[in-house]
PDB file of N, CA and C in Angstrom:
ATOM      1  N   MET A   1     113.226 124.654 105.916  1.00  0.00           N
ATOM      2  CA  MET A   1     112.828 123.974 107.131  1.00  0.00           C
ATOM      3  C   MET A   1     111.432 123.410 106.915  1.00  0.00           C
ATOM      4  N   SER A   2     111.200 122.198 107.397  1.00  0.00           N
ATOM      5  CA  SER A   2     109.926 121.523 107.215  1.00  0.00           C
ATOM      6  C   SER A   2     109.265 121.284 108.566  1.00  0.00           C
ATOM      7  N   PHE A   3     107.968 121.524 108.614  1.00  0.00           N
ATOM      8  CA  PHE A   3     107.213 121.274 109.829  1.00  0.00           C
ATOM      9  C   PHE A   3     106.223 120.150 109.573  1.00  0.00           C
ATOM     10  N   HIS A   4     106.121 119.244 110.515  1.00  0.00           N
ATOM     11  CA  HIS A   4     105.217 118.116 110.382  1.00  0.00           C
ATOM     12  C   HIS A   4     104.220 118.120 111.518  1.00  0.00           C
ATOM     13  N   THR A   5     103.005 117.724 111.214  1.00  0.00           N
ATOM     14  CA  THR A   5     101.995 117.574 112.244  1.00  0.00           C
ATOM     15  C   THR A   5     102.264 116.260 112.973  1.00  0.00           C
ATOM     16  N   PRO A   6     102.305 116.299 114.298  1.00  0.00           N
ATOM     17  CA  PRO A   6     102.545 115.040 115.010  1.00  0.00           C
ATOM     18  C   PRO A   6     101.393 114.076 114.796  1.00  0.00           C
ATOM     19  N   PRO A   7     101.672 112.771 114.799  1.00  0.00           N
ATOM     20  CA  PRO A   7     100.600 111.803 114.584  1.00  0.00           C
ATOM     21  C   PRO A   7      99.584 111.878 115.723  1.00  0.00           C
ATOM     22  N   GLN A   8      98.321 111.674 115.367  1.00  0.00           N
ATOM     23  CA  GLN A   8      97.282 111.667 116.382  1.00  0.00           C
ATOM     24  C   GLN A   8      97.312 110.335 117.111  1.00  0.00           C
ATOM     25  N   THR A   9      97.098 110.396 118.410  1.00  0.00           N
ATOM     26  CA  THR A   9      97.038 109.165 119.178  1.00  0.00           C
ATOM     27  C   THR A   9      95.581 108.751 119.311  1.00  0.00           C
ATOM     28  N   LYS A  10      95.348 107.465 119.241  1.00  0.00           N
ATOM     29  CA  LYS A  10      93.992 106.959 119.369  1.00  0.00           C
ATOM     30  C   LYS A  10      93.673 106.805 120.855  1.00  0.00           C
ATOM     31  N   LEU A  11      92.487 107.216 121.200  1.00  0.00           N
ATOM     32  CA  LEU A  11      92.067 107.093 122.588  1.00  0.00           C
ATOM     33  C   LEU A  11      91.619 105.668 122.869  1.00  0.00           C
ATOM     34  N   GLN A  12      91.932 105.200 124.049  1.00  0.00           N
ATOM     35  CA  GLN A  12      91.480 103.879 124.446  1.00  0.00           C
ATOM     36  C   GLN A  12      89.988 103.934 124.735  1.00  0.00           C
ATOM     37  N   VAL A  13      89.308 102.865 124.429  1.00  0.00           N
ATOM     38  CA  VAL A  13      87.878 102.779 124.678  1.00  0.00           C
ATOM     39  C   VAL A  13      87.693 102.315 126.123  1.00  0.00           C
ATOM     40  N   PRO A  14      86.969 103.103 126.931  1.00  0.00           N
ATOM     41  CA  PRO A  14      86.766 102.695 128.323  1.00  0.00           C
ATOM     42  C   PRO A  14      86.114 101.314 128.404  1.00  0.00           C
ATOM     43  N   GLY A  15      86.621 100.477 129.293  1.00  0.00           N
ATOM     44  CA  GLY A  15      86.055  99.161 129.505  1.00  0.00           C
ATOM     45  C   GLY A  15      86.562  98.091 128.548  1.00  0.00           C
ATOM     46  N   MET A  16      87.296  98.481 127.495  1.00  0.00           N
ATOM     47  CA  MET A  16      87.827  97.495 126.548  1.00  0.00           C
ATOM     48  C   MET A  16      89.191  97.032 127.039  1.00  0.00           C
ATOM     49  N   PRO A  17      89.421  95.723 127.103  1.00  0.00           N
ATOM     50  CA  PRO A  17      90.736  95.246 127.529  1.00  0.00           C
ATOM     51  C   PRO A  17      91.828  95.772 126.595  1.00  0.00           C
ATOM     52  N   THR A  18      92.939  96.206 127.173  1.00  0.00           N
ATOM     53  CA  THR A  18      94.058  96.737 126.400  1.00  0.00           C
ATOM     54  C   THR A  18      95.325  96.013 126.825  1.00  0.00           C
ATOM     55  N   TYR A  19      96.094  95.548 125.847  1.00  0.00           N
ATOM     56  CA  TYR A  19      97.306  94.792 126.123  1.00  0.00           C
ATOM     57  C   TYR A  19      98.463  95.388 125.334  1.00  0.00           C
ATOM     58  N   ALA A  20      99.620  95.460 125.957  1.00  0.00           N
ATOM     59  CA  ALA A  20     100.832  95.877 125.252  1.00  0.00           C
ATOM     60  C   ALA A  20     101.350  94.661 124.483  1.00  0.00           C
ATOM     61  N   ALA A  21     101.649  94.842 123.207  1.00  0.00           N
ATOM     62  CA  ALA A  21     102.113  93.728 122.373  1.00  0.00           C
ATOM     63  C   ALA A  21     103.368  93.091 122.958  1.00  0.00           C
ATOM     64  N   GLY A  22     104.253  93.895 123.519  1.00  0.00           N
ATOM     65  CA  GLY A  22     105.471  93.361 124.122  1.00  0.00           C
ATOM     66  C   GLY A  22     105.180  92.454 125.305  1.00  0.00           C
ATOM     67  N   ASN A  23     104.086  92.729 126.011  1.00  0.00           N
ATOM     68  CA  ASN A  23     103.702  91.853 127.116  1.00  0.00           C
ATOM     69  C   ASN A  23     103.161  90.531 126.588  1.00  0.00           C
ATOM     70  N   LEU A  24     102.409  90.584 125.492  1.00  0.00           N
ATOM     71  CA  LEU A  24     101.882  89.354 124.904  1.00  0.00           C
ATOM     72  C   LEU A  24     103.001  88.454 124.399  1.00  0.00           C
ATOM     73  N   THR A  25     104.056  89.057 123.882  1.00  0.00           N
ATOM     74  CA  THR A  25     105.182  88.277 123.351  1.00  0.00           C
ATOM     75  C   THR A  25     106.275  88.059 124.392  1.00  0.00           C
ATOM     76  N   LYS A  26     106.033  88.529 125.605  1.00  0.00           N
ATOM     77  CA  LYS A  26     107.008  88.415 126.710  1.00  0.00           C
ATOM     78  C   LYS A  26     108.373  88.944 126.303  1.00  0.00           C
ATOM     79  N   GLY A  27     108.382  90.082 125.605  1.00  0.00           N
ATOM     80  CA  GLY A  27     109.623  90.737 125.210  1.00  0.00           C
ATOM     81  C   GLY A  27     110.201  90.237 123.906  1.00  0.00           C
ATOM     82  N   GLY A  28     109.623  89.188 123.344  1.00  0.00           N
ATOM     83  CA  GLY A  28     110.106  88.676 122.060  1.00  0.00           C
ATOM     84  C   GLY A  28     109.359  89.329 120.922  1.00  0.00           C
ATOM     85  N   ASP A  29     109.238  88.609 119.801  1.00  0.00           N
ATOM     86  CA  ASP A  29     108.503  89.179 118.669  1.00  0.00           C
ATOM     87  C   ASP A  29     107.391  88.268 118.164  1.00  0.00           C
ATOM     88  N   LEU A  30     107.123  87.148 118.876  1.00  0.00           N
ATOM     89  CA  LEU A  30     106.064  86.231 118.458  1.00  0.00           C
ATOM     90  C   LEU A  30     105.204  85.817 119.641  1.00  0.00           C
ATOM     91  N   ALA A  31     103.917  85.630 119.377  1.00  0.00           N
ATOM     92  CA  ALA A  31     102.999  85.075 120.367  1.00  0.00           C
ATOM     93  C   ALA A  31     101.925  84.299 119.628  1.00  0.00           C
ATOM     94  N   GLN A  32     101.394  83.277 120.278  1.00  0.00           N
ATOM     95  CA  GLN A  32     100.279  82.535 119.701  1.00  0.00           C
ATOM     96  C   GLN A  32      99.003  82.941 120.424  1.00  0.00           C
ATOM     97  N   ILE A  33      97.937  83.106 119.641  1.00  0.00           N
ATOM     98  CA  ILE A  33      96.630  83.457 120.170  1.00  0.00           C
ATOM     99  C   ILE A  33      95.664  82.376 119.707  1.00  0.00           C
ATOM    100  N   VAL A  34      94.898  81.826 120.634  1.00  0.00           N
ATOM    101  CA  VAL A  34      93.964  80.748 120.314  1.00  0.00           C
ATOM    102  C   VAL A  34      92.540  81.282 120.383  1.00  0.00           C
ATOM    103  N   LEU A  35      91.763  80.997 119.338  1.00  0.00           N
ATOM    104  CA  LEU A  35      90.346  81.323 119.280  1.00  0.00           C
ATOM    105  C   LEU A  35      89.615  80.061 118.869  1.00  0.00           C
ATOM    106  N   ASP A  36      88.793  79.535 119.786  1.00  0.00           N
ATOM    107  CA  ASP A  36      88.148  78.238 119.589  1.00  0.00           C
ATOM    108  C   ASP A  36      89.235  77.203 119.316  1.00  0.00           C
ATOM    109  N   ASP A  37      89.233  76.556 118.165  1.00  0.00           N
ATOM    110  CA  ASP A  37      90.273  75.561 117.876  1.00  0.00           C
ATOM    111  C   ASP A  37      91.284  76.067 116.859  1.00  0.00           C
ATOM    112  N   GLN A  38      91.294  77.367 116.597  1.00  0.00           N
ATOM    113  CA  GLN A  38      92.227  77.962 115.634  1.00  0.00           C
ATOM    114  C   GLN A  38      93.374  78.647 116.369  1.00  0.00           C
ATOM    115  N   VAL A  39      94.592  78.467 115.862  1.00  0.00           N
ATOM    116  CA  VAL A  39      95.772  79.101 116.447  1.00  0.00           C
ATOM    117  C   VAL A  39      96.263  80.173 115.486  1.00  0.00           C
ATOM    118  N   TYR A  40      96.451  81.377 115.999  1.00  0.00           N
ATOM    119  CA  TYR A  40      96.938  82.506 115.223  1.00  0.00           C
ATOM    120  C   TYR A  40      98.303  82.908 115.763  1.00  0.00           C
ATOM    121  N   THR A  41      99.135  83.477 114.900  1.00  0.00           N
ATOM    122  CA  THR A  41     100.446  83.959 115.311  1.00  0.00           C
ATOM    123  C   THR A  41     100.483  85.480 115.192  1.00  0.00           C
ATOM    124  N   LEU A  42     100.848  86.121 116.287  1.00  0.00           N
ATOM    125  CA  LEU A  42     101.035  87.574 116.316  1.00  0.00           C
ATOM    126  C   LEU A  42     102.525  87.835 116.219  1.00  0.00           C
ATOM    127  N   ARG A  43     102.920  88.656 115.260  1.00  0.00           N
ATOM    128  CA  ARG A  43     104.348  88.937 115.059  1.00  0.00           C
ATOM    129  C   ARG A  43     104.577  90.444 115.077  1.00  0.00           C
ATOM    130  N   ILE A  44     105.618  90.865 115.780  1.00  0.00           N
ATOM    131  CA  ILE A  44     106.059  92.257 115.752  1.00  0.00           C
ATOM    132  C   ILE A  44     107.200  92.323 114.747  1.00  0.00           C
ATOM    133  N   THR A  45     107.047  93.148 113.724  1.00  0.00           N
ATOM    134  CA  THR A  45     108.050  93.231 112.659  1.00  0.00           C
ATOM    135  C   THR A  45     109.219  94.133 113.071  1.00  0.00           C
ATOM    136  N   ARG A  46     110.260  94.128 112.261  1.00  0.00           N
ATOM    137  CA  ARG A  46     111.397  95.024 112.494  1.00  0.00           C
ATOM    138  C   ARG A  46     110.991  96.483 112.379  1.00  0.00           C
ATOM    139  N   ALA A  47     109.930  96.751 111.606  1.00  0.00           N
ATOM    140  CA  ALA A  47     109.422  98.119 111.458  1.00  0.00           C
ATOM    141  C   ALA A  47     108.437  98.467 112.585  1.00  0.00           C
ATOM    142  N   ASN A  48     108.349  97.599 113.601  1.00  0.00           N
ATOM    143  CA  ASN A  48     107.479  97.797 114.753  1.00  0.00           C
ATOM    144  C   ASN A  48     105.998  97.840 114.377  1.00  0.00           C
ATOM    145  N   LYS A  49     105.626  96.986 113.441  1.00  0.00           N
ATOM    146  CA  LYS A  49     104.230  96.810 113.043  1.00  0.00           C
ATOM    147  C   LYS A  49     103.764  95.439 113.520  1.00  0.00           C
ATOM    148  N   LEU A  50     102.441  95.256 113.570  1.00  0.00           N
ATOM    149  CA  LEU A  50     101.894  93.979 113.992  1.00  0.00           C
ATOM    150  C   LEU A  50     101.318  93.224 112.815  1.00  0.00           C
ATOM    151  N   ILE A  51     101.561  91.919 112.773  1.00  0.00           N
ATOM    152  CA  ILE A  51     100.971  91.051 111.759  1.00  0.00           C
ATOM    153  C   ILE A  51     100.329  89.879 112.500  1.00  0.00           C
ATOM    154  N   LEU A  52      99.065  89.610 112.177  1.00  0.00           N
ATOM    155  CA  LEU A  52      98.348  88.480 112.757  1.00  0.00           C
ATOM    156  C   LEU A  52      98.032  87.517 111.631  1.00  0.00           C
ATOM    157  N   THR A  53      98.527  86.270 111.740  1.00  0.00           N
ATOM    158  CA  THR A  53      98.312  85.269 110.685  1.00  0.00           C
ATOM    159  C   THR A  53      97.704  84.021 111.294  1.00  0.00           C
ATOM    160  N   LYS A  54      97.028  83.282 110.433  1.00  0.00           N
ATOM    161  CA  LYS A  54      96.377  82.041 110.842  1.00  0.00           C
ATOM    162  C   LYS A  54      97.307  80.874 110.601  1.00  0.00           C
TER     163      LYS A  54
END
């Protein structure tokens, strides 16, 4: 029998805006984020990881 330590959860920083990735993508897996004149793509992978590309 194997015992595993549960993953530690990161605490949210008070006062820092927090967004659920699913809300940003409106339930899909892609969203665009604009910073100044640059457009970035946020993608949720099949492994439920986030990738941000320019």
